[in-house]
PDB file of N, CA and C in Angstrom:
ATOM      1  N   MET A   1      67.771  49.922 125.742  1.00  0.00           N
ATOM      2  CA  MET A   1      68.811  49.362 126.580  1.00  0.00           C
ATOM      3  C   MET A   1      68.478  49.562 128.115  1.00  0.00           C
ATOM      4  N   MET A   2      67.943  50.653 128.506  1.00  0.00           N
ATOM      5  CA  MET A   2      67.561  50.824 129.886  1.00  0.00           C
ATOM      6  C   MET A   2      66.347  49.758 130.302  1.00  0.00           C
ATOM      7  N   LEU A   3      65.579  49.475 129.373  1.00  0.00           N
ATOM      8  CA  LEU A   3      64.519  48.460 129.652  1.00  0.00           C
ATOM      9  C   LEU A   3      65.206  47.125 130.014  1.00  0.00           C
ATOM     10  N   TRP A   4      66.150  46.753 129.303  1.00  0.00           N
ATOM     11  CA  TRP A   4      66.766  45.433 129.492  1.00  0.00           C
ATOM     12  C   TRP A   4      67.512  45.434 130.868  1.00  0.00           C
ATOM     13  N   ILE A   5      68.174  46.614 131.186  1.00  0.00           N
ATOM     14  CA  ILE A   5      68.756  46.687 132.422  1.00  0.00           C
ATOM     15  C   ILE A   5      67.797  46.584 133.627  1.00  0.00           C
ATOM     16  N   GLY A   6      66.628  47.171 133.489  1.00  0.00           N
ATOM     17  CA  GLY A   6      65.593  47.140 134.429  1.00  0.00           C
ATOM     18  C   GLY A   6      65.115  45.677 134.582  1.00  0.00           C
ATOM     19  N   ILE A   7      64.916  44.954 133.602  1.00  0.00           N
ATOM     20  CA  ILE A   7      64.438  43.624 133.519  1.00  0.00           C
ATOM     21  C   ILE A   7      65.495  42.745 134.122  1.00  0.00           C
ATOM     22  N   LEU A   8      66.700  42.903 133.945  1.00  0.00           N
ATOM     23  CA  LEU A   8      67.848  42.145 134.491  1.00  0.00           C
ATOM     24  C   LEU A   8      67.950  42.319 136.037  1.00  0.00           C
ATOM     25  N   VAL A   9      67.863  43.592 136.513  1.00  0.00           N
ATOM     26  CA  VAL A   9      67.878  43.939 137.899  1.00  0.00           C
ATOM     27  C   VAL A   9      66.705  43.374 138.559  1.00  0.00           C
ATOM     28  N   ALA A  10      65.557  43.433 138.072  1.00  0.00           N
ATOM     29  CA  ALA A  10      64.322  42.839 138.583  1.00  0.00           C
ATOM     30  C   ALA A  10      64.508  41.310 138.703  1.00  0.00           C
ATOM     31  N   SER A  11      65.037  40.705 137.665  1.00  0.00           N
ATOM     32  CA  SER A  11      65.244  39.313 137.693  1.00  0.00           C
ATOM     33  C   SER A  11      66.148  38.821 138.725  1.00  0.00           C
ATOM     34  N   VAL A  12      67.276  39.538 138.905  1.00  0.00           N
ATOM     35  CA  VAL A  12      68.209  39.170 139.854  1.00  0.00           C
ATOM     36  C   VAL A  12      67.647  39.274 141.316  1.00  0.00           C
ATOM     37  N   GLY A  13      66.911  40.455 141.463  1.00  0.00           N
ATOM     38  CA  GLY A  13      66.251  40.712 142.768  1.00  0.00           C
ATOM     39  C   GLY A  13      65.345  39.554 143.096  1.00  0.00           C
ATOM     40  N   CYS A  14      64.566  39.124 142.193  1.00  0.00           N
ATOM     41  CA  CYS A  14      63.580  38.026 142.359  1.00  0.00           C
ATOM     42  C   CYS A  14      64.263  36.716 142.710  1.00  0.00           C
ATOM     43  N   TYR A  15      65.419  36.543 142.058  1.00  0.00           N
ATOM     44  CA  TYR A  15      66.131  35.286 142.293  1.00  0.00           C
ATOM     45  C   TYR A  15      66.757  35.347 143.764  1.00  0.00           C
ATOM     46  N   LEU A  16      67.356  36.484 144.182  1.00  0.00           N
ATOM     47  CA  LEU A  16      67.870  36.601 145.481  1.00  0.00           C
ATOM     48  C   LEU A  16      66.831  36.575 146.653  1.00  0.00           C
ATOM     49  N   LEU A  17      65.595  37.106 146.311  1.00  0.00           N
ATOM     50  CA  LEU A  17      64.586  36.985 147.295  1.00  0.00           C
ATOM     51  C   LEU A  17      64.144  35.607 147.385  1.00  0.00           C
ATOM     52  N   LYS A  18      64.067  34.891 146.412  1.00  0.00           N
ATOM     53  CA  LYS A  18      63.623  33.284 146.375  1.00  0.00           C
ATOM     54  C   LYS A  18      64.750  32.621 147.119  1.00  0.00           C
ATOM     55  N   LEU A  19      65.986  32.935 146.853  1.00  0.00           N
ATOM     56  CA  LEU A  19      67.135  32.205 147.445  1.00  0.00           C
ATOM     57  C   LEU A  19      67.103  32.519 149.030  1.00  0.00           C
ATOM     58  N   ALA A  20      66.789  33.759 149.360  1.00  0.00           N
ATOM     59  CA  ALA A  20      66.809  34.077 150.701  1.00  0.00           C
ATOM     60  C   ALA A  20      65.669  33.318 151.452  1.00  0.00           C
ATOM     61  N   GLY A  21      64.469  33.065 150.870  1.00  0.00           N
ATOM     62  CA  GLY A  21      63.487  32.281 151.401  1.00  0.00           C
ATOM     63  C   GLY A  21      64.004  30.852 151.665  1.00  0.00           C
ATOM     64  N   LEU A  22      64.548  30.283 150.636  1.00  0.00           N
ATOM     65  CA  LEU A  22      65.076  28.940 150.716  1.00  0.00           C
ATOM     66  C   LEU A  22      66.124  28.652 151.680  1.00  0.00           C
ATOM     67  N   SER A  23      66.815  29.839 152.008  1.00  0.00           N
ATOM     68  CA  SER A  23      68.034  29.732 152.932  1.00  0.00           C
ATOM     69  C   SER A  23      67.660  29.894 154.445  1.00  0.00           C
ATOM     70  N   LEU A  24      66.514  30.211 154.695  1.00  0.00           N
ATOM     71  CA  LEU A  24      65.966  30.347 156.060  1.00  0.00           C
ATOM     72  C   LEU A  24      66.190  28.942 156.897  1.00  0.00           C
ATOM     73  N   PRO A  25      66.564  29.063 158.045  1.00  0.00           N
ATOM     74  CA  PRO A  25      66.600  27.789 158.870  1.00  0.00           C
ATOM     75  C   PRO A  25      65.138  27.402 159.155  1.00  0.00           C
ATOM     76  N   GLN A  26      65.002  26.083 159.337  1.00  0.00           N
ATOM     77  CA  GLN A  26      63.717  25.545 159.547  1.00  0.00           C
ATOM     78  C   GLN A  26      63.062  26.027 160.768  1.00  0.00           C
ATOM     79  N   ARG A  27      63.791  26.346 161.785  1.00  0.00           N
ATOM     80  CA  ARG A  27      63.219  26.891 163.047  1.00  0.00           C
ATOM     81  C   ARG A  27      62.503  28.152 162.860  1.00  0.00           C
ATOM     82  N   VAL A  28      63.018  28.995 161.968  1.00  0.00           N
ATOM     83  CA  VAL A  28      62.384  30.350 161.524  1.00  0.00           C
ATOM     84  C   VAL A  28      61.086  30.046 160.857  1.00  0.00           C
ATOM     85  N   LEU A  29      60.984  29.113 159.968  1.00  0.00           N
ATOM     86  CA  LEU A  29      59.810  28.663 159.215  1.00  0.00           C
ATOM     87  C   LEU A  29      58.823  28.089 160.109  1.00  0.00           C
ATOM     88  N   ASP A  30      59.198  27.393 161.192  1.00  0.00           N
ATOM     89  CA  ASP A  30      58.281  26.748 162.076  1.00  0.00           C
ATOM     90  C   ASP A  30      57.755  27.702 163.153  1.00  0.00           C
ATOM     91  N   ALA A  31      58.174  28.919 163.242  1.00  0.00           N
ATOM     92  CA  ALA A  31      57.784  29.824 164.297  1.00  0.00           C
ATOM     93  C   ALA A  31      56.207  30.155 164.056  1.00  0.00           C
ATOM     94  N   PRO A  32      55.588  30.325 165.189  1.00  0.00           N
ATOM     95  CA  PRO A  32      54.027  30.609 164.954  1.00  0.00           C
ATOM     96  C   PRO A  32      53.721  31.746 164.198  1.00  0.00           C
ATOM     97  N   PHE A  33      54.511  32.882 164.277  1.00  0.00           N
ATOM     98  CA  PHE A  33      54.213  34.001 163.467  1.00  0.00           C
ATOM     99  C   PHE A  33      54.478  33.757 161.939  1.00  0.00           C
ATOM    100  N   ALA A  34      55.539  33.004 161.653  1.00  0.00           N
ATOM    101  CA  ALA A  34      55.737  32.655 160.175  1.00  0.00           C
ATOM    102  C   ALA A  34      54.657  31.774 159.684  1.00  0.00           C
ATOM    103  N   ARG A  35      54.090  30.816 160.473  1.00  0.00           N
ATOM    104  CA  ARG A  35      52.998  30.017 160.039  1.00  0.00           C
ATOM    105  C   ARG A  35      51.742  30.768 159.816  1.00  0.00           C
ATOM    106  N   ARG A  36      51.365  31.673 160.830  1.00  0.00           N
ATOM    107  CA  ARG A  36      50.170  32.455 160.604  1.00  0.00           C
ATOM    108  C   ARG A  36      50.337  33.454 159.472  1.00  0.00           C
ATOM    109  N   ALA A  37      51.479  34.092 159.215  1.00  0.00           N
ATOM    110  CA  ALA A  37      51.679  34.930 158.127  1.00  0.00           C
ATOM    111  C   ALA A  37      51.564  34.061 156.801  1.00  0.00           C
ATOM    112  N   GLY A  38      52.120  32.969 156.708  1.00  0.00           N
ATOM    113  CA  GLY A  38      51.982  32.140 155.571  1.00  0.00           C
ATOM    114  C   GLY A  38      50.569  31.697 155.163  1.00  0.00           C
ATOM    115  N   VAL A  39      49.673  31.621 156.200  1.00  0.00           N
ATOM    116  CA  VAL A  39      48.291  31.335 155.959  1.00  0.00           C
ATOM    117  C   VAL A  39      47.463  32.491 155.521  1.00  0.00           C
ATOM    118  N   LEU A  40      47.767  33.632 156.208  1.00  0.00           N
ATOM    119  CA  LEU A  40      46.844  34.868 156.176  1.00  0.00           C
ATOM    120  C   LEU A  40      47.391  35.709 154.960  1.00  0.00           C
ATOM    121  N   LEU A  41      48.635  35.813 154.665  1.00  0.00           N
ATOM    122  CA  LEU A  41      49.085  36.725 153.656  1.00  0.00           C
ATOM    123  C   LEU A  41      48.472  36.568 152.228  1.00  0.00           C
ATOM    124  N   PRO A  42      48.423  35.297 151.735  1.00  0.00           N
ATOM    125  CA  PRO A  42      47.730  35.093 150.504  1.00  0.00           C
ATOM    126  C   PRO A  42      46.296  35.637 150.390  1.00  0.00           C
ATOM    127  N   ILE A  43      45.612  35.417 151.535  1.00  0.00           N
ATOM    128  CA  ILE A  43      44.218  35.834 151.573  1.00  0.00           C
ATOM    129  C   ILE A  43      44.117  37.344 151.541  1.00  0.00           C
ATOM    130  N   ALA A  44      44.944  38.076 152.258  1.00  0.00           N
ATOM    131  CA  ALA A  44      44.976  39.478 152.287  1.00  0.00           C
ATOM    132  C   ALA A  44      45.385  40.000 150.872  1.00  0.00           C
ATOM    133  N   LEU A  45      46.318  39.433 150.305  1.00  0.00           N
ATOM    134  CA  LEU A  45      46.662  39.939 148.921  1.00  0.00           C
ATOM    135  C   LEU A  45      45.619  39.691 147.875  1.00  0.00           C
ATOM    136  N   LEU A  46      44.901  38.573 147.947  1.00  0.00           N
ATOM    137  CA  LEU A  46      43.817  38.260 147.013  1.00  0.00           C
ATOM    138  C   LEU A  46      42.646  39.327 147.294  1.00  0.00           C
ATOM    139  N   ALA A  47      42.325  39.565 148.507  1.00  0.00           N
ATOM    140  CA  ALA A  47      41.265  40.502 148.808  1.00  0.00           C
ATOM    141  C   ALA A  47      41.682  41.842 148.346  1.00  0.00           C
ATOM    142  N   ALA A  48      42.924  42.361 148.481  1.00  0.00           N
ATOM    143  CA  ALA A  48      43.388  43.681 147.929  1.00  0.00           C
ATOM    144  C   ALA A  48      43.207  43.650 146.421  1.00  0.00           C
ATOM    145  N   LEU A  49      43.623  42.603 145.857  1.00  0.00           N
ATOM    146  CA  LEU A  49      43.547  42.583 144.302  1.00  0.00           C
ATOM    147  C   LEU A  49      42.000  42.574 143.875  1.00  0.00           C
ATOM    148  N   VAL A  50      41.191  41.887 144.489  1.00  0.00           N
ATOM    149  CA  VAL A  50      39.766  41.931 144.143  1.00  0.00           C
ATOM    150  C   VAL A  50      39.192  43.286 144.412  1.00  0.00           C
ATOM    151  N   ALA A  51      39.491  43.946 145.560  1.00  0.00           N
ATOM    152  CA  ALA A  51      39.032  45.313 145.793  1.00  0.00           C
ATOM    153  C   ALA A  51      39.543  46.348 144.698  1.00  0.00           C
ATOM    154  N   ILE A  52      40.767  46.304 144.422  1.00  0.00           N
ATOM    155  CA  ILE A  52      41.354  47.159 143.369  1.00  0.00           C
ATOM    156  C   ILE A  52      40.656  46.970 141.927  1.00  0.00           C
ATOM    157  N   GLN A  53      40.523  45.784 141.552  1.00  0.00           N
ATOM    158  CA  GLN A  53      39.961  45.465 140.231  1.00  0.00           C
ATOM    159  C   GLN A  53      38.429  45.807 140.256  1.00  0.00           C
ATOM    160  N   THR A  54      37.763  45.819 141.365  1.00  0.00           N
ATOM    161  CA  THR A  54      36.400  45.903 141.379  1.00  0.00           C
ATOM    162  C   THR A  54      35.956  47.469 141.580  1.00  0.00           C
ATOM    163  N   PHE A  55      36.690  48.173 142.333  1.00  0.00           N
ATOM    164  CA  PHE A  55      36.289  49.482 142.752  1.00  0.00           C
ATOM    165  C   PHE A  55      37.238  50.532 142.105  1.00  0.00           C
ATOM    166  N   THR A  56      38.038  50.360 141.241  1.00  0.00           N
ATOM    167  CA  THR A  56      38.839  51.407 140.610  1.00  0.00           C
ATOM    168  C   THR A  56      38.710  51.323 139.110  1.00  0.00           C
ATOM    169  N   ASP A  57      38.916  52.464 138.520  1.00  0.00           N
ATOM    170  CA  ASP A  57      39.003  52.626 136.963  1.00  0.00           C
ATOM    171  C   ASP A  57      40.173  53.673 136.700  1.00  0.00           C
ATOM    172  N   GLY A  58      41.241  53.114 136.547  1.00  0.00           N
ATOM    173  CA  GLY A  58      42.366  54.054 136.270  1.00  0.00           C
ATOM    174  C   GLY A  58      42.777  54.585 137.706  1.00  0.00           C
ATOM    175  N   GLN A  59      42.668  55.904 137.801  1.00  0.00           N
ATOM    176  CA  GLN A  59      43.056  56.540 139.044  1.00  0.00           C
ATOM    177  C   GLN A  59      41.923  57.014 139.885  1.00  0.00           C
ATOM    178  N   ARG A  60      40.700  56.555 139.534  1.00  0.00           N
ATOM    179  CA  ARG A  60      39.503  57.087 140.372  1.00  0.00           C
ATOM    180  C   ARG A  60      38.715  55.827 140.899  1.00  0.00           C
ATOM    181  N   LEU A  61      38.016  56.017 142.000  1.00  0.00           N
ATOM    182  CA  LEU A  61      37.117  54.983 142.607  1.00  0.00           C
ATOM    183  C   LEU A  61      35.829  55.125 141.782  1.00  0.00           C
ATOM    184  N   VAL A  62      35.235  53.874 141.571  1.00  0.00           N
ATOM    185  CA  VAL A  62      34.008  53.762 140.923  1.00  0.00           C
ATOM    186  C   VAL A  62      33.093  52.576 141.568  1.00  0.00           C
ATOM    187  N   VAL A  63      31.788  52.718 141.464  1.00  0.00           N
ATOM    188  CA  VAL A  63      30.911  51.583 141.917  1.00  0.00           C
ATOM    189  C   VAL A  63      30.035  51.363 140.685  1.00  0.00           C
ATOM    190  N   ASP A  64      30.309  50.253 140.018  1.00  0.00           N
ATOM    191  CA  ASP A  64      29.538  49.983 138.844  1.00  0.00           C
ATOM    192  C   ASP A  64      29.060  48.572 138.936  1.00  0.00           C
ATOM    193  N   ALA A  65      28.741  47.968 137.769  1.00  0.00           N
ATOM    194  CA  ALA A  65      28.308  46.585 137.578  1.00  0.00           C
ATOM    195  C   ALA A  65      29.245  45.559 138.209  1.00  0.00           C
ATOM    196  N   ARG A  66      30.521  45.834 138.273  1.00  0.00           N
ATOM    197  CA  ARG A  66      31.491  44.953 138.941  1.00  0.00           C
ATOM    198  C   ARG A  66      31.124  44.783 140.368  1.00  0.00           C
ATOM    199  N   ALA A  67      30.705  45.771 141.109  1.00  0.00           N
ATOM    200  CA  ALA A  67      30.443  45.634 142.435  1.00  0.00           C
ATOM    201  C   ALA A  67      29.225  44.722 142.702  1.00  0.00           C
ATOM    202  N   ALA A  68      28.226  44.877 141.795  1.00  0.00           N
ATOM    203  CA  ALA A  68      27.133  44.002 141.875  1.00  0.00           C
ATOM    204  C   ALA A  68      27.459  42.524 141.609  1.00  0.00           C
ATOM    205  N   GLY A  69      28.342  42.297 140.651  1.00  0.00           N
ATOM    206  CA  GLY A  69      28.953  40.948 140.324  1.00  0.00           C
ATOM    207  C   GLY A  69      29.692  40.391 141.494  1.00  0.00           C
ATOM    208  N   LEU A  70      30.367  41.249 142.256  1.00  0.00           N
ATOM    209  CA  LEU A  70      31.135  40.792 143.415  1.00  0.00           C
ATOM    210  C   LEU A  70      30.085  40.393 144.570  1.00  0.00           C
ATOM    211  N   ALA A  71      29.129  41.270 144.771  1.00  0.00           N
ATOM    212  CA  ALA A  71      27.996  40.921 145.743  1.00  0.00           C
ATOM    213  C   ALA A  71      27.411  39.630 145.451  1.00  0.00           C
ATOM    214  N   ALA A  72      27.127  39.414 144.107  1.00  0.00           N
ATOM    215  CA  ALA A  72      26.407  38.093 143.722  1.00  0.00           C
ATOM    216  C   ALA A  72      27.374  36.951 144.030  1.00  0.00           C
ATOM    217  N   ALA A  73      28.641  37.132 143.859  1.00  0.00           N
ATOM    218  CA  ALA A  73      29.650  36.125 144.138  1.00  0.00           C
ATOM    219  C   ALA A  73      29.628  35.809 145.677  1.00  0.00           C
ATOM    220  N   VAL A  74      29.645  36.933 146.495  1.00  0.00           N
ATOM    221  CA  VAL A  74      29.678  36.688 147.943  1.00  0.00           C
ATOM    222  C   VAL A  74      28.409  35.985 148.330  1.00  0.00           C
ATOM    223  N   VAL A  75      27.300  36.307 147.784  1.00  0.00           N
ATOM    224  CA  VAL A  75      26.027  35.525 148.162  1.00  0.00           C
ATOM    225  C   VAL A  75      26.177  34.057 147.708  1.00  0.00           C
ATOM    226  N   ALA A  76      26.756  33.799 146.509  1.00  0.00           N
ATOM    227  CA  ALA A  76      26.965  32.378 146.057  1.00  0.00           C
ATOM    228  C   ALA A  76      27.877  31.650 146.992  1.00  0.00           C
ATOM    229  N   LEU A  77      28.930  32.381 147.396  1.00  0.00           N
ATOM    230  CA  LEU A  77      29.873  31.763 148.357  1.00  0.00           C
ATOM    231  C   LEU A  77      29.137  31.415 149.755  1.00  0.00           C
ATOM    232  N   ALA A  78      28.390  32.407 150.197  1.00  0.00           N
ATOM    233  CA  ALA A  78      27.639  32.173 151.498  1.00  0.00           C
ATOM    234  C   ALA A  78      26.678  30.998 151.369  1.00  0.00           C
ATOM    235  N   LEU A  79      26.167  30.725 150.183  1.00  0.00           N
ATOM    236  CA  LEU A  79      25.329  29.538 150.035  1.00  0.00           C
ATOM    237  C   LEU A  79      26.121  28.305 149.585  1.00  0.00           C
ATOM    238  N   ARG A  80      27.436  28.388 149.816  1.00  0.00           N
ATOM    239  CA  ARG A  80      28.340  27.283 149.518  1.00  0.00           C
ATOM    240  C   ARG A  80      28.272  26.661 148.153  1.00  0.00           C
ATOM    241  N   ALA A  81      28.028  27.576 147.180  1.00  0.00           N
ATOM    242  CA  ALA A  81      28.059  27.120 145.725  1.00  0.00           C
ATOM    243  C   ALA A  81      29.484  26.729 145.369  1.00  0.00           C
ATOM    244  N   PRO A  82      29.640  25.758 144.348  1.00  0.00           N
ATOM    245  CA  PRO A  82      30.814  25.434 143.836  1.00  0.00           C
ATOM    246  C   PRO A  82      31.565  26.690 143.093  1.00  0.00           C
ATOM    247  N   PHE A  83      32.916  26.566 143.128  1.00  0.00           N
ATOM    248  CA  PHE A  83      33.701  27.721 142.580  1.00  0.00           C
ATOM    249  C   PHE A  83      33.161  28.137 141.116  1.00  0.00           C
ATOM    250  N   LEU A  84      33.081  27.205 140.329  1.00  0.00           N
ATOM    251  CA  LEU A  84      32.577  27.560 139.015  1.00  0.00           C
ATOM    252  C   LEU A  84      31.273  28.279 138.998  1.00  0.00           C
ATOM    253  N   VAL A  85      30.337  27.832 139.845  1.00  0.00           N
ATOM    254  CA  VAL A  85      29.044  28.498 139.880  1.00  0.00           C
ATOM    255  C   VAL A  85      29.126  29.948 140.440  1.00  0.00           C
ATOM    256  N   VAL A  86      30.127  30.180 141.434  1.00  0.00           N
ATOM    257  CA  VAL A  86      30.391  31.419 141.828  1.00  0.00           C
ATOM    258  C   VAL A  86      30.854  32.355 140.664  1.00  0.00           C
ATOM    259  N   VAL A  87      31.828  31.835 139.917  1.00  0.00           N
ATOM    260  CA  VAL A  87      32.403  32.717 138.924  1.00  0.00           C
ATOM    261  C   VAL A  87      31.401  33.028 137.836  1.00  0.00           C
ATOM    262  N   VAL A  88      30.604  32.108 137.472  1.00  0.00           N
ATOM    263  CA  VAL A  88      29.611  32.194 136.378  1.00  0.00           C
ATOM    264  C   VAL A  88      28.499  33.165 136.909  1.00  0.00           C
ATOM    265  N   THR A  89      28.037  33.047 138.104  1.00  0.00           N
ATOM    266  CA  THR A  89      27.127  34.005 138.791  1.00  0.00           C
ATOM    267  C   THR A  89      27.559  35.413 138.697  1.00  0.00           C
ATOM    268  N   ALA A  90      28.850  35.607 139.194  1.00  0.00           N
ATOM    269  CA  ALA A  90      29.411  37.003 139.197  1.00  0.00           C
ATOM    270  C   ALA A  90      29.448  37.586 137.741  1.00  0.00           C
ATOM    271  N   ALA A  91      29.968  36.731 136.880  1.00  0.00           N
ATOM    272  CA  ALA A  91      30.037  37.160 135.436  1.00  0.00           C
ATOM    273  C   ALA A  91      28.606  37.455 134.792  1.00  0.00           C
ATOM    274  N   ALA A  92      27.598  36.599 135.146  1.00  0.00           N
ATOM    275  CA  ALA A  92      26.367  36.875 134.539  1.00  0.00           C
ATOM    276  C   ALA A  92      25.648  38.099 135.142  1.00  0.00           C
ATOM    277  N   VAL A  93      25.807  38.308 136.366  1.00  0.00           N
ATOM    278  CA  VAL A  93      25.240  39.611 136.891  1.00  0.00           C
ATOM    279  C   VAL A  93      26.017  40.848 136.436  1.00  0.00           C
ATOM    280  N   THR A  94      27.274  40.774 136.343  1.00  0.00           N
ATOM    281  CA  THR A  94      28.086  41.902 135.688  1.00  0.00           C
ATOM    282  C   THR A  94      27.613  42.141 134.371  1.00  0.00           C
ATOM    283  N   ALA A  95      27.615  41.130 133.552  1.00  0.00           N
ATOM    284  CA  ALA A  95      27.201  41.329 132.133  1.00  0.00           C
ATOM    285  C   ALA A  95      25.755  41.680 131.998  1.00  0.00           C
ATOM    286  N   GLY A  96      24.884  41.130 132.696  1.00  0.00           N
ATOM    287  CA  GLY A  96      23.459  41.633 132.766  1.00  0.00           C
ATOM    288  C   GLY A  96      23.278  43.086 133.055  1.00  0.00           C
ATOM    289  N   LEU A  97      23.921  43.561 134.045  1.00  0.00           N
ATOM    290  CA  LEU A  97      23.840  44.982 134.496  1.00  0.00           C
ATOM    291  C   LEU A  97      24.461  45.912 133.463  1.00  0.00           C
ATOM    292  N   ARG A  98      25.590  45.425 132.858  1.00  0.00           N
ATOM    293  CA  ARG A  98      26.232  46.338 131.781  1.00  0.00           C
ATOM    294  C   ARG A  98      25.305  46.343 130.643  1.00  0.00           C
ATOM    295  N   ALA A  99      24.602  45.288 130.241  1.00  0.00           N
ATOM    296  CA  ALA A  99      23.665  45.274 129.152  1.00  0.00           C
ATOM    297  C   ALA A  99      22.479  46.210 129.428  1.00  0.00           C
ATOM    298  N   LEU A 100      22.106  46.288 130.636  1.00  0.00           N
ATOM    299  CA  LEU A 100      20.964  47.146 130.947  1.00  0.00           C
ATOM    300  C   LEU A 100      21.295  48.637 131.015  1.00  0.00           C
ATOM    301  N   THR A 101      22.504  48.941 131.263  1.00  0.00           N
ATOM    302  CA  THR A 101      22.886  50.379 131.436  1.00  0.00           C
ATOM    303  C   THR A 101      23.631  50.873 130.271  1.00  0.00           C
TER     304      THR A 101
END
């Protein structure tokens, strides 16, 4: 029962947050700060997610084959490779190092 209460509270909270965003006046959304935050916030969140998924294992920091895969992806991005090539390169390097160790 407590689980369903938590789910309902979270659902209502998400709905109210979405409603608050839709209720903002256009002048607030057109402010320079809001525009910059709207552009930069998704980039920061994605970078944080990549860092957490790459360098953590449960509650501890690790440097393993995933870090090498990330480095290979960065190199592929620097060489302006297509996104699919970047992903396949990162996966291949990670899988290759895991197979060797």
